[in-house]
């Protein structure tokens, strides 16, 4: 029985861990002076959170479940699209490469 509880606890945080791994890779790319790629990866992580929020149950969603499923999916996907859009459209400035 304790093994079953561990699996459910670990499985409950798996969606959040996947999203966090993509965000971590995005932050790594920003730290390597590839800010546009890093920002796009962070936007992709938000889109992944939206997809996972729609596909998994409320119990399996773990830490990506904040509000209702529809509101979470809408806000995650909207913010993800906005981050990607801003990262792809910035031209010039001190950060351009």
PDB file of N, CA and C in Angstrom:
ATOM      1  N   UNK A   1       0.799  -1.209   0.000  1.00  0.00           N
ATOM      2  CA  UNK A   1       0.000   0.000   0.000  1.00  0.00           C
ATOM      3  C   UNK A   1       0.847   1.282   0.000  1.00  0.00           C
ATOM      4  N   UNK A   2       1.933   1.371   0.782  1.00  0.00           N
ATOM      5  CA  UNK A   2       2.741   2.593   0.726  1.00  0.00           C
ATOM      6  C   UNK A   2       3.318   2.850  -0.659  1.00  0.00           C
ATOM      7  N   UNK A   3       3.647   1.772  -1.402  1.00  0.00           N
ATOM      8  CA  UNK A   3       4.175   1.945  -2.751  1.00  0.00           C
ATOM      9  C   UNK A   3       3.127   2.590  -3.656  1.00  0.00           C
ATOM     10  N   UNK A   4       1.865   2.213  -3.483  1.00  0.00           N
ATOM     11  CA  UNK A   4       0.778   2.798  -4.276  1.00  0.00           C
ATOM     12  C   UNK A   4       0.630   4.280  -3.972  1.00  0.00           C
ATOM     13  N   UNK A   5       0.767   4.666  -2.705  1.00  0.00           N
ATOM     14  CA  UNK A   5       0.666   6.083  -2.358  1.00  0.00           C
ATOM     15  C   UNK A   5       1.818   6.873  -2.965  1.00  0.00           C
ATOM     16  N   UNK A   6       3.025   6.294  -2.984  1.00  0.00           N
ATOM     17  CA  UNK A   6       4.164   6.980  -3.579  1.00  0.00           C
ATOM     18  C   UNK A   6       3.948   7.180  -5.060  1.00  0.00           C
ATOM     19  N   UNK A   7       3.445   6.158  -5.742  1.00  0.00           N
ATOM     20  CA  UNK A   7       3.198   6.299  -7.180  1.00  0.00           C
ATOM     21  C   UNK A   7       2.178   7.383  -7.463  1.00  0.00           C
ATOM     22  N   UNK A   8       1.124   7.430  -6.678  1.00  0.00           N
ATOM     23  CA  UNK A   8       0.110   8.455  -6.930  1.00  0.00           C
ATOM     24  C   UNK A   8       0.651   9.848  -6.610  1.00  0.00           C
ATOM     25  N   UNK A   9       1.472   9.968  -5.564  1.00  0.00           N
ATOM     26  CA  UNK A   9       2.045  11.278  -5.231  1.00  0.00           C
ATOM     27  C   UNK A   9       3.036  11.715  -6.305  1.00  0.00           C
ATOM     28  N   UNK A  10       3.856  10.782  -6.772  1.00  0.00           N
ATOM     29  CA  UNK A  10       4.814  11.122  -7.829  1.00  0.00           C
ATOM     30  C   UNK A  10       4.086  11.405  -9.133  1.00  0.00           C
ATOM     31  N   UNK A  11       3.095  10.623  -9.438  1.00  0.00           N
ATOM     32  CA  UNK A  11       2.329  10.838 -10.661  1.00  0.00           C
ATOM     33  C   UNK A  11       1.534  12.122 -10.642  1.00  0.00           C
ATOM     34  N   UNK A  12       1.152  12.551  -9.461  1.00  0.00           N
ATOM     35  CA  UNK A  12       0.387  13.787  -9.338  1.00  0.00           C
ATOM     36  C   UNK A  12       1.228  14.997  -9.692  1.00  0.00           C
ATOM     37  N   UNK A  13       2.527  14.936  -9.469  1.00  0.00           N
ATOM     38  CA  UNK A  13       3.392  16.072  -9.747  1.00  0.00           C
ATOM     39  C   UNK A  13       4.136  15.951 -11.075  1.00  0.00           C
ATOM     40  N   UNK A  14       3.890  14.893 -11.824  1.00  0.00           N
ATOM     41  CA  UNK A  14       4.567  14.709 -13.100  1.00  0.00           C
ATOM     42  C   UNK A  14       4.239  15.807 -14.113  1.00  0.00           C
ATOM     43  N   UNK A  15       2.978  16.221 -14.296  1.00  0.00           N
ATOM     44  CA  UNK A  15       2.717  17.316 -15.245  1.00  0.00           C
ATOM     45  C   UNK A  15       3.473  18.595 -14.885  1.00  0.00           C
ATOM     46  N   UNK A  16       3.491  18.938 -13.603  1.00  0.00           N
ATOM     47  CA  UNK A  16       4.221  20.133 -13.171  1.00  0.00           C
ATOM     48  C   UNK A  16       5.715  19.976 -13.414  1.00  0.00           C
ATOM     49  N   UNK A  17       6.246  18.788 -13.181  1.00  0.00           N
ATOM     50  CA  UNK A  17       7.674  18.545 -13.401  1.00  0.00           C
ATOM     51  C   UNK A  17       8.038  18.688 -14.874  1.00  0.00           C
ATOM     52  N   UNK A  18       7.172  18.225 -15.771  1.00  0.00           N
ATOM     53  CA  UNK A  18       7.429  18.374 -17.205  1.00  0.00           C
ATOM     54  C   UNK A  18       7.456  19.849 -17.603  1.00  0.00           C
ATOM     55  N   UNK A  19       6.483  20.597 -17.131  1.00  0.00           N
ATOM     56  CA  UNK A  19       6.421  22.034 -17.436  1.00  0.00           C
ATOM     57  C   UNK A  19       7.644  22.743 -16.853  1.00  0.00           C
ATOM     58  N   UNK A  20       8.001  22.398 -15.620  1.00  0.00           N
ATOM     59  CA  UNK A  20       9.147  23.019 -14.969  1.00  0.00           C
ATOM     60  C   UNK A  20      10.447  22.691 -15.685  1.00  0.00           C
ATOM     61  N   UNK A  21      10.568  21.491 -16.239  1.00  0.00           N
ATOM     62  CA  UNK A  21      11.777  21.117 -16.979  1.00  0.00           C
ATOM     63  C   UNK A  21      11.928  21.976 -18.235  1.00  0.00           C
ATOM     64  N   UNK A  22      10.821  22.219 -18.945  1.00  0.00           N
ATOM     65  CA  UNK A  22      10.886  23.060 -20.148  1.00  0.00           C
ATOM     66  C   UNK A  22      11.230  24.499 -19.762  1.00  0.00           C
ATOM     67  N   UNK A  23      10.642  24.995 -18.683  1.00  0.00           N
ATOM     68  CA  UNK A  23      10.961  26.349 -18.208  1.00  0.00           C
ATOM     69  C   UNK A  23      12.436  26.433 -17.820  1.00  0.00           C
ATOM     70  N   UNK A  24      12.945  25.417 -17.146  1.00  0.00           N
ATOM     71  CA  UNK A  24      14.358  25.405 -16.765  1.00  0.00           C
ATOM     72  C   UNK A  24      15.272  25.455 -17.972  1.00  0.00           C
ATOM     73  N   UNK A  25      14.918  24.706 -19.005  1.00  0.00           N
ATOM     74  CA  UNK A  25      15.722  24.740 -20.225  1.00  0.00           C
ATOM     75  C   UNK A  25      15.637  26.120 -20.880  1.00  0.00           C
ATOM     76  N   UNK A  26      14.458  26.749 -20.836  1.00  0.00           N
ATOM     77  CA  UNK A  26      14.309  28.095 -21.370  1.00  0.00           C
ATOM     78  C   UNK A  26      15.155  29.108 -20.610  1.00  0.00           C
ATOM     79  N   UNK A  27      15.190  29.000 -19.300  1.00  0.00           N
ATOM     80  CA  UNK A  27      16.020  29.900 -18.495  1.00  0.00           C
ATOM     81  C   UNK A  27      17.496  29.667 -18.786  1.00  0.00           C
ATOM     82  N   UNK A  28      17.869  28.415 -19.003  1.00  0.00           N
ATOM     83  CA  UNK A  28      19.253  28.112 -19.370  1.00  0.00           C
ATOM     84  C   UNK A  28      19.629  28.793 -20.686  1.00  0.00           C
ATOM     85  N   UNK A  29      18.733  28.751 -21.676  1.00  0.00           N
ATOM     86  CA  UNK A  29      19.005  29.408 -22.962  1.00  0.00           C
ATOM     87  C   UNK A  29      19.109  30.926 -22.795  1.00  0.00           C
ATOM     88  N   UNK A  30      18.286  31.506 -21.935  1.00  0.00           N
ATOM     89  CA  UNK A  30      18.390  32.943 -21.665  1.00  0.00           C
ATOM     90  C   UNK A  30      19.734  33.251 -21.020  1.00  0.00           C
ATOM     91  N   UNK A  31      20.156  32.425 -20.080  1.00  0.00           N
ATOM     92  CA  UNK A  31      21.444  32.633 -19.413  1.00  0.00           C
ATOM     93  C   UNK A  31      22.615  32.491 -20.391  1.00  0.00           C
ATOM     94  N   UNK A  32      22.420  31.763 -21.475  1.00  0.00           N
ATOM     95  CA  UNK A  32      23.454  31.596 -22.495  1.00  0.00           C
ATOM     96  C   UNK A  32      23.352  32.680 -23.575  1.00  0.00           C
ATOM     97  N   UNK A  33      22.619  33.751 -23.290  1.00  0.00           N
ATOM     98  CA  UNK A  33      22.451  34.898 -24.186  1.00  0.00           C
ATOM     99  C   UNK A  33      21.667  34.561 -25.453  1.00  0.00           C
ATOM    100  N   UNK A  34      20.815  33.565 -25.391  1.00  0.00           N
ATOM    101  CA  UNK A  34      19.874  33.261 -26.470  1.00  0.00           C
ATOM    102  C   UNK A  34      18.469  33.536 -25.923  1.00  0.00           C
ATOM    103  N   UNK A  35      18.219  34.821 -25.620  1.00  0.00           N
ATOM    104  CA  UNK A  35      17.005  35.195 -24.919  1.00  0.00           C
ATOM    105  C   UNK A  35      15.748  34.882 -25.724  1.00  0.00           C
ATOM    106  N   UNK A  36      15.811  35.009 -27.038  1.00  0.00           N
ATOM    107  CA  UNK A  36      14.619  34.749 -27.853  1.00  0.00           C
ATOM    108  C   UNK A  36      14.239  33.272 -27.789  1.00  0.00           C
ATOM    109  N   UNK A  37      15.206  32.387 -27.920  1.00  0.00           N
ATOM    110  CA  UNK A  37      14.932  30.958 -27.819  1.00  0.00           C
ATOM    111  C   UNK A  37      14.417  30.606 -26.422  1.00  0.00           C
ATOM    112  N   UNK A  38      15.019  31.205 -25.399  1.00  0.00           N
ATOM    113  CA  UNK A  38      14.571  30.954 -24.033  1.00  0.00           C
ATOM    114  C   UNK A  38      13.152  31.418 -23.791  1.00  0.00           C
ATOM    115  N   UNK A  39      12.817  32.591 -24.303  1.00  0.00           N
ATOM    116  CA  UNK A  39      11.454  33.104 -24.138  1.00  0.00           C
ATOM    117  C   UNK A  39      10.446  32.235 -24.875  1.00  0.00           C
ATOM    118  N   UNK A  40      10.813  31.768 -26.059  1.00  0.00           N
ATOM    119  CA  UNK A  40       9.916  30.876 -26.803  1.00  0.00           C
ATOM    120  C   UNK A  40       9.724  29.571 -26.033  1.00  0.00           C
ATOM    121  N   UNK A  41      10.779  29.049 -25.442  1.00  0.00           N
ATOM    122  CA  UNK A  41      10.653  27.818 -24.657  1.00  0.00           C
ATOM    123  C   UNK A  41       9.755  28.026 -23.439  1.00  0.00           C
ATOM    124  N   UNK A  42       9.832  29.168 -22.821  1.00  0.00           N
ATOM    125  CA  UNK A  42       8.949  29.451 -21.688  1.00  0.00           C
ATOM    126  C   UNK A  42       7.506  29.545 -22.162  1.00  0.00           C
ATOM    127  N   UNK A  43       7.282  30.152 -23.335  1.00  0.00           N
ATOM    128  CA  UNK A  43       5.939  30.176 -23.907  1.00  0.00           C
ATOM    129  C   UNK A  43       5.440  28.780 -24.246  1.00  0.00           C
ATOM    130  N   UNK A  44       6.325  27.941 -24.765  1.00  0.00           N
ATOM    131  CA  UNK A  44       5.962  26.550 -25.069  1.00  0.00           C
ATOM    132  C   UNK A  44       5.614  25.807 -23.784  1.00  0.00           C
ATOM    133  N   UNK A  45       6.325  26.095 -22.700  1.00  0.00           N
ATOM    134  CA  UNK A  45       6.014  25.466 -21.415  1.00  0.00           C
ATOM    135  C   UNK A  45       4.604  25.836 -20.952  1.00  0.00           C
ATOM    136  N   UNK A  46       4.222  27.078 -21.185  1.00  0.00           N
ATOM    137  CA  UNK A  46       2.856  27.492 -20.833  1.00  0.00           C
ATOM    138  C   UNK A  46       1.824  26.791 -21.705  1.00  0.00           C
ATOM    139  N   UNK A  47       2.123  26.631 -22.988  1.00  0.00           N
ATOM    140  CA  UNK A  47       1.208  25.890 -23.862  1.00  0.00           C
ATOM    141  C   UNK A  47       1.140  24.422 -23.453  1.00  0.00           C
ATOM    142  N   UNK A  48       2.262  23.852 -23.034  1.00  0.00           N
ATOM    143  CA  UNK A  48       2.274  22.479 -22.529  1.00  0.00           C
ATOM    144  C   UNK A  48       1.425  22.362 -21.273  1.00  0.00           C
ATOM    145  N   UNK A  49       1.511  23.352 -20.385  1.00  0.00           N
ATOM    146  CA  UNK A  49       0.680  23.349 -19.179  1.00  0.00           C
ATOM    147  C   UNK A  49      -0.802  23.395 -19.543  1.00  0.00           C
ATOM    148  N   UNK A  50      -1.149  24.191 -20.553  1.00  0.00           N
ATOM    149  CA  UNK A  50      -2.547  24.258 -20.988  1.00  0.00           C
ATOM    150  C   UNK A  50      -3.001  22.912 -21.542  1.00  0.00           C
ATOM    151  N   UNK A  51      -2.173  22.289 -22.364  1.00  0.00           N
ATOM    152  CA  UNK A  51      -2.522  20.988 -22.936  1.00  0.00           C
ATOM    153  C   UNK A  51      -2.664  19.929 -21.849  1.00  0.00           C
ATOM    154  N   UNK A  52      -1.720  19.892 -20.922  1.00  0.00           N
ATOM    155  CA  UNK A  52      -1.801  18.913 -19.840  1.00  0.00           C
ATOM    156  C   UNK A  52      -3.009  19.167 -18.951  1.00  0.00           C
ATOM    157  N   UNK A  53      -3.335  20.430 -18.735  1.00  0.00           N
ATOM    158  CA  UNK A  53      -4.497  20.759 -17.894  1.00  0.00           C
ATOM    159  C   UNK A  53      -5.784  20.257 -18.524  1.00  0.00           C
ATOM    160  N   UNK A  54      -5.851  20.274 -19.846  1.00  0.00           N
ATOM    161  CA  UNK A  54      -7.044  19.779 -20.539  1.00  0.00           C
ATOM    162  C   UNK A  54      -7.079  18.252 -20.540  1.00  0.00           C
ATOM    163  N   UNK A  55      -5.915  17.620 -20.698  1.00  0.00           N
ATOM    164  CA  UNK A  55      -5.878  16.170 -20.902  1.00  0.00           C
ATOM    165  C   UNK A  55      -5.961  15.348 -19.618  1.00  0.00           C
ATOM    166  N   UNK A  56      -5.412  15.835 -18.513  1.00  0.00           N
ATOM    167  CA  UNK A  56      -5.397  15.032 -17.292  1.00  0.00           C
ATOM    168  C   UNK A  56      -6.531  15.446 -16.362  1.00  0.00           C
ATOM    169  N   UNK A  57      -6.865  14.555 -15.433  1.00  0.00           N
ATOM    170  CA  UNK A  57      -7.934  14.850 -14.480  1.00  0.00           C
ATOM    171  C   UNK A  57      -7.462  15.886 -13.472  1.00  0.00           C
ATOM    172  N   UNK A  58      -8.391  16.416 -12.708  1.00  0.00           N
ATOM    173  CA  UNK A  58      -8.043  17.417 -11.695  1.00  0.00           C
ATOM    174  C   UNK A  58      -7.087  16.838 -10.655  1.00  0.00           C
ATOM    175  N   UNK A  59      -7.269  15.574 -10.293  1.00  0.00           N
ATOM    176  CA  UNK A  59      -6.395  14.937  -9.312  1.00  0.00           C
ATOM    177  C   UNK A  59      -4.996  14.715  -9.876  1.00  0.00           C
ATOM    178  N   UNK A  60      -4.887  14.402 -11.155  1.00  0.00           N
ATOM    179  CA  UNK A  60      -3.596  14.147 -11.776  1.00  0.00           C
ATOM    180  C   UNK A  60      -2.867  15.441 -12.136  1.00  0.00           C
ATOM    181  N   UNK A  61      -3.576  16.539 -12.250  1.00  0.00           N
ATOM    182  CA  UNK A  61      -2.966  17.799 -12.673  1.00  0.00           C
ATOM    183  C   UNK A  61      -1.983  18.335 -11.645  1.00  0.00           C
ATOM    184  N   UNK A  62      -2.194  18.027 -10.397  1.00  0.00           N
ATOM    185  CA  UNK A  62      -1.260  18.461  -9.358  1.00  0.00           C
ATOM    186  C   UNK A  62      -1.148  19.971  -9.280  1.00  0.00           C
ATOM    187  N   UNK A  63       0.058  20.481  -9.338  1.00  0.00           N
ATOM    188  CA  UNK A  63       0.311  21.905  -9.115  1.00  0.00           C
ATOM    189  C   UNK A  63      -0.023  22.794 -10.307  1.00  0.00           C
ATOM    190  N   UNK A  64      -0.351  22.213 -11.467  1.00  0.00           N
ATOM    191  CA  UNK A  64      -0.766  23.081 -12.574  1.00  0.00           C
ATOM    192  C   UNK A  64      -2.253  23.404 -12.489  1.00  0.00           C
ATOM    193  N   UNK A  65      -2.965  22.746 -11.605  1.00  0.00           N
ATOM    194  CA  UNK A  65      -4.384  23.030 -11.404  1.00  0.00           C
ATOM    195  C   UNK A  65      -4.521  24.140 -10.368  1.00  0.00           C
ATOM    196  N   UNK A  66      -4.924  25.313 -10.835  1.00  0.00           N
ATOM    197  CA  UNK A  66      -5.085  26.445  -9.935  1.00  0.00           C
ATOM    198  C   UNK A  66      -6.560  26.827  -9.839  1.00  0.00           C
ATOM    199  N   UNK A  67      -7.202  26.939 -10.974  1.00  0.00           N
ATOM    200  CA  UNK A  67      -8.609  27.306 -11.043  1.00  0.00           C
ATOM    201  C   UNK A  67      -9.367  26.155 -11.689  1.00  0.00           C
ATOM    202  N   UNK A  68     -10.474  26.448 -12.309  1.00  0.00           N
ATOM    203  CA  UNK A  68     -11.192  25.397 -13.033  1.00  0.00           C
ATOM    204  C   UNK A  68     -10.407  25.030 -14.288  1.00  0.00           C
ATOM    205  N   UNK A  69     -10.696  23.889 -14.836  1.00  0.00           N
ATOM    206  CA  UNK A  69      -9.947  23.388 -15.988  1.00  0.00           C
ATOM    207  C   UNK A  69     -10.006  24.368 -17.160  1.00  0.00           C
ATOM    208  N   UNK A  70     -11.177  24.885 -17.479  1.00  0.00           N
ATOM    209  CA  UNK A  70     -11.329  25.800 -18.607  1.00  0.00           C
ATOM    210  C   UNK A  70     -10.572  27.104 -18.419  1.00  0.00           C
ATOM    211  N   UNK A  71     -10.657  27.665 -17.225  1.00  0.00           N
ATOM    212  CA  UNK A  71      -9.970  28.929 -16.946  1.00  0.00           C
ATOM    213  C   UNK A  71      -8.461  28.724 -16.997  1.00  0.00           C
ATOM    214  N   UNK A  72      -7.981  27.633 -16.397  1.00  0.00           N
ATOM    215  CA  UNK A  72      -6.541  27.351 -16.441  1.00  0.00           C
ATOM    216  C   UNK A  72      -6.051  27.201 -17.873  1.00  0.00           C
ATOM    217  N   UNK A  73      -6.759  26.418 -18.669  1.00  0.00           N
ATOM    218  CA  UNK A  73      -6.343  26.186 -20.060  1.00  0.00           C
ATOM    219  C   UNK A  73      -6.359  27.495 -20.847  1.00  0.00           C
ATOM    220  N   UNK A  74      -7.386  28.300 -20.653  1.00  0.00           N
ATOM    221  CA  UNK A  74      -7.486  29.574 -21.361  1.00  0.00           C
ATOM    222  C   UNK A  74      -6.347  30.526 -20.980  1.00  0.00           C
ATOM    223  N   UNK A  75      -6.078  30.651 -19.695  1.00  0.00           N
ATOM    224  CA  UNK A  75      -5.045  31.579 -19.248  1.00  0.00           C
ATOM    225  C   UNK A  75      -3.642  31.091 -19.592  1.00  0.00           C
ATOM    226  N   UNK A  76      -3.376  29.793 -19.412  1.00  0.00           N
ATOM    227  CA  UNK A  76      -2.063  29.254 -19.779  1.00  0.00           C
ATOM    228  C   UNK A  76      -1.802  29.426 -21.269  1.00  0.00           C
ATOM    229  N   UNK A  77      -2.788  29.085 -22.087  1.00  0.00           N
ATOM    230  CA  UNK A  77      -2.566  29.175 -23.535  1.00  0.00           C
ATOM    231  C   UNK A  77      -2.475  30.632 -23.990  1.00  0.00           C
ATOM    232  N   UNK A  78      -3.293  31.499 -23.432  1.00  0.00           N
ATOM    233  CA  UNK A  78      -3.220  32.913 -23.795  1.00  0.00           C
ATOM    234  C   UNK A  78      -1.887  33.539 -23.433  1.00  0.00           C
ATOM    235  N   UNK A  79      -1.402  33.258 -22.235  1.00  0.00           N
ATOM    236  CA  UNK A  79      -0.113  33.808 -21.824  1.00  0.00           C
ATOM    237  C   UNK A  79       1.018  33.186 -22.639  1.00  0.00           C
ATOM    238  N   UNK A  80       0.926  31.899 -22.943  1.00  0.00           N
ATOM    239  CA  UNK A  80       1.954  31.247 -23.757  1.00  0.00           C
ATOM    240  C   UNK A  80       2.045  31.851 -25.146  1.00  0.00           C
ATOM    241  N   UNK A  81       0.891  32.086 -25.772  1.00  0.00           N
ATOM    242  CA  UNK A  81       0.867  32.701 -27.104  1.00  0.00           C
ATOM    243  C   UNK A  81       1.410  34.126 -27.037  1.00  0.00           C
ATOM    244  N   UNK A  82       1.058  34.856 -25.976  1.00  0.00           N
ATOM    245  CA  UNK A  82       1.551  36.228 -25.833  1.00  0.00           C
ATOM    246  C   UNK A  82       3.069  36.263 -25.664  1.00  0.00           C
ATOM    247  N   UNK A  83       3.624  35.368 -24.849  1.00  0.00           N
ATOM    248  CA  UNK A  83       5.077  35.340 -24.633  1.00  0.00           C
ATOM    249  C   UNK A  83       5.792  34.990 -25.935  1.00  0.00           C
ATOM    250  N   UNK A  84       5.285  34.001 -26.650  1.00  0.00           N
ATOM    251  CA  UNK A  84       5.902  33.619 -27.927  1.00  0.00           C
ATOM    252  C   UNK A  84       5.787  34.760 -28.933  1.00  0.00           C
ATOM    253  N   UNK A  85       4.628  35.394 -28.984  1.00  0.00           N
ATOM    254  CA  UNK A  85       4.426  36.496 -29.920  1.00  0.00           C
ATOM    255  C   UNK A  85       5.361  37.658 -29.662  1.00  0.00           C
ATOM    256  N   UNK A  86       5.519  38.028 -28.403  1.00  0.00           N
ATOM    257  CA  UNK A  86       6.419  39.130 -28.069  1.00  0.00           C
ATOM    258  C   UNK A  86       7.864  38.753 -28.388  1.00  0.00           C
ATOM    259  N   UNK A  87       8.251  37.528 -28.040  1.00  0.00           N
ATOM    260  CA  UNK A  87       9.630  37.099 -28.299  1.00  0.00           C
ATOM    261  C   UNK A  87       9.945  37.084 -29.784  1.00  0.00           C
ATOM    262  N   UNK A  88       8.986  36.737 -30.614  1.00  0.00           N
ATOM    263  CA  UNK A  88       9.237  36.631 -32.044  1.00  0.00           C
ATOM    264  C   UNK A  88       9.165  37.977 -32.768  1.00  0.00           C
ATOM    265  N   UNK A  89       8.538  38.975 -32.159  1.00  0.00           N
ATOM    266  CA  UNK A  89       8.349  40.236 -32.870  1.00  0.00           C
ATOM    267  C   UNK A  89       9.282  41.354 -32.437  1.00  0.00           C
ATOM    268  N   UNK A  90      10.042  41.187 -31.367  1.00  0.00           N
ATOM    269  CA  UNK A  90      10.973  42.238 -30.945  1.00  0.00           C
ATOM    270  C   UNK A  90      12.111  42.319 -31.947  1.00  0.00           C
ATOM    271  N   UNK A  91      12.332  43.529 -32.453  1.00  0.00           N
ATOM    272  CA  UNK A  91      13.384  43.751 -33.453  1.00  0.00           C
ATOM    273  C   UNK A  91      14.309  44.839 -32.926  1.00  0.00           C
ATOM    274  N   UNK A  92      15.598  44.626 -33.074  1.00  0.00           N
ATOM    275  CA  UNK A  92      16.574  45.636 -32.654  1.00  0.00           C
ATOM    276  C   UNK A  92      16.726  45.682 -31.158  1.00  0.00           C
ATOM    277  N   UNK A  93      17.327  46.749 -30.674  1.00  0.00           N
ATOM    278  CA  UNK A  93      17.525  46.932 -29.241  1.00  0.00           C
ATOM    279  C   UNK A  93      18.779  46.249 -28.750  1.00  0.00           C
ATOM    280  N   UNK A  94      19.050  46.401 -27.472  1.00  0.00           N
ATOM    281  CA  UNK A  94      20.286  45.850 -26.909  1.00  0.00           C
ATOM    282  C   UNK A  94      20.316  44.332 -26.851  1.00  0.00           C
ATOM    283  N   UNK A  95      19.160  43.683 -26.942  1.00  0.00           N
ATOM    284  CA  UNK A  95      19.102  42.235 -26.834  1.00  0.00           C
ATOM    285  C   UNK A  95      19.127  41.522 -28.172  1.00  0.00           C
ATOM    286  N   UNK A  96      19.103  42.246 -29.264  1.00  0.00           N
ATOM    287  CA  UNK A  96      19.021  41.586 -30.571  1.00  0.00           C
ATOM    288  C   UNK A  96      20.342  40.943 -30.931  1.00  0.00           C
ATOM    289  N   UNK A  97      20.221  39.847 -31.635  1.00  0.00           N
ATOM    290  CA  UNK A  97      21.403  39.100 -32.120  1.00  0.00           C
ATOM    291  C   UNK A  97      21.192  38.764 -33.544  1.00  0.00           C
TER     292      UNK A  97
END
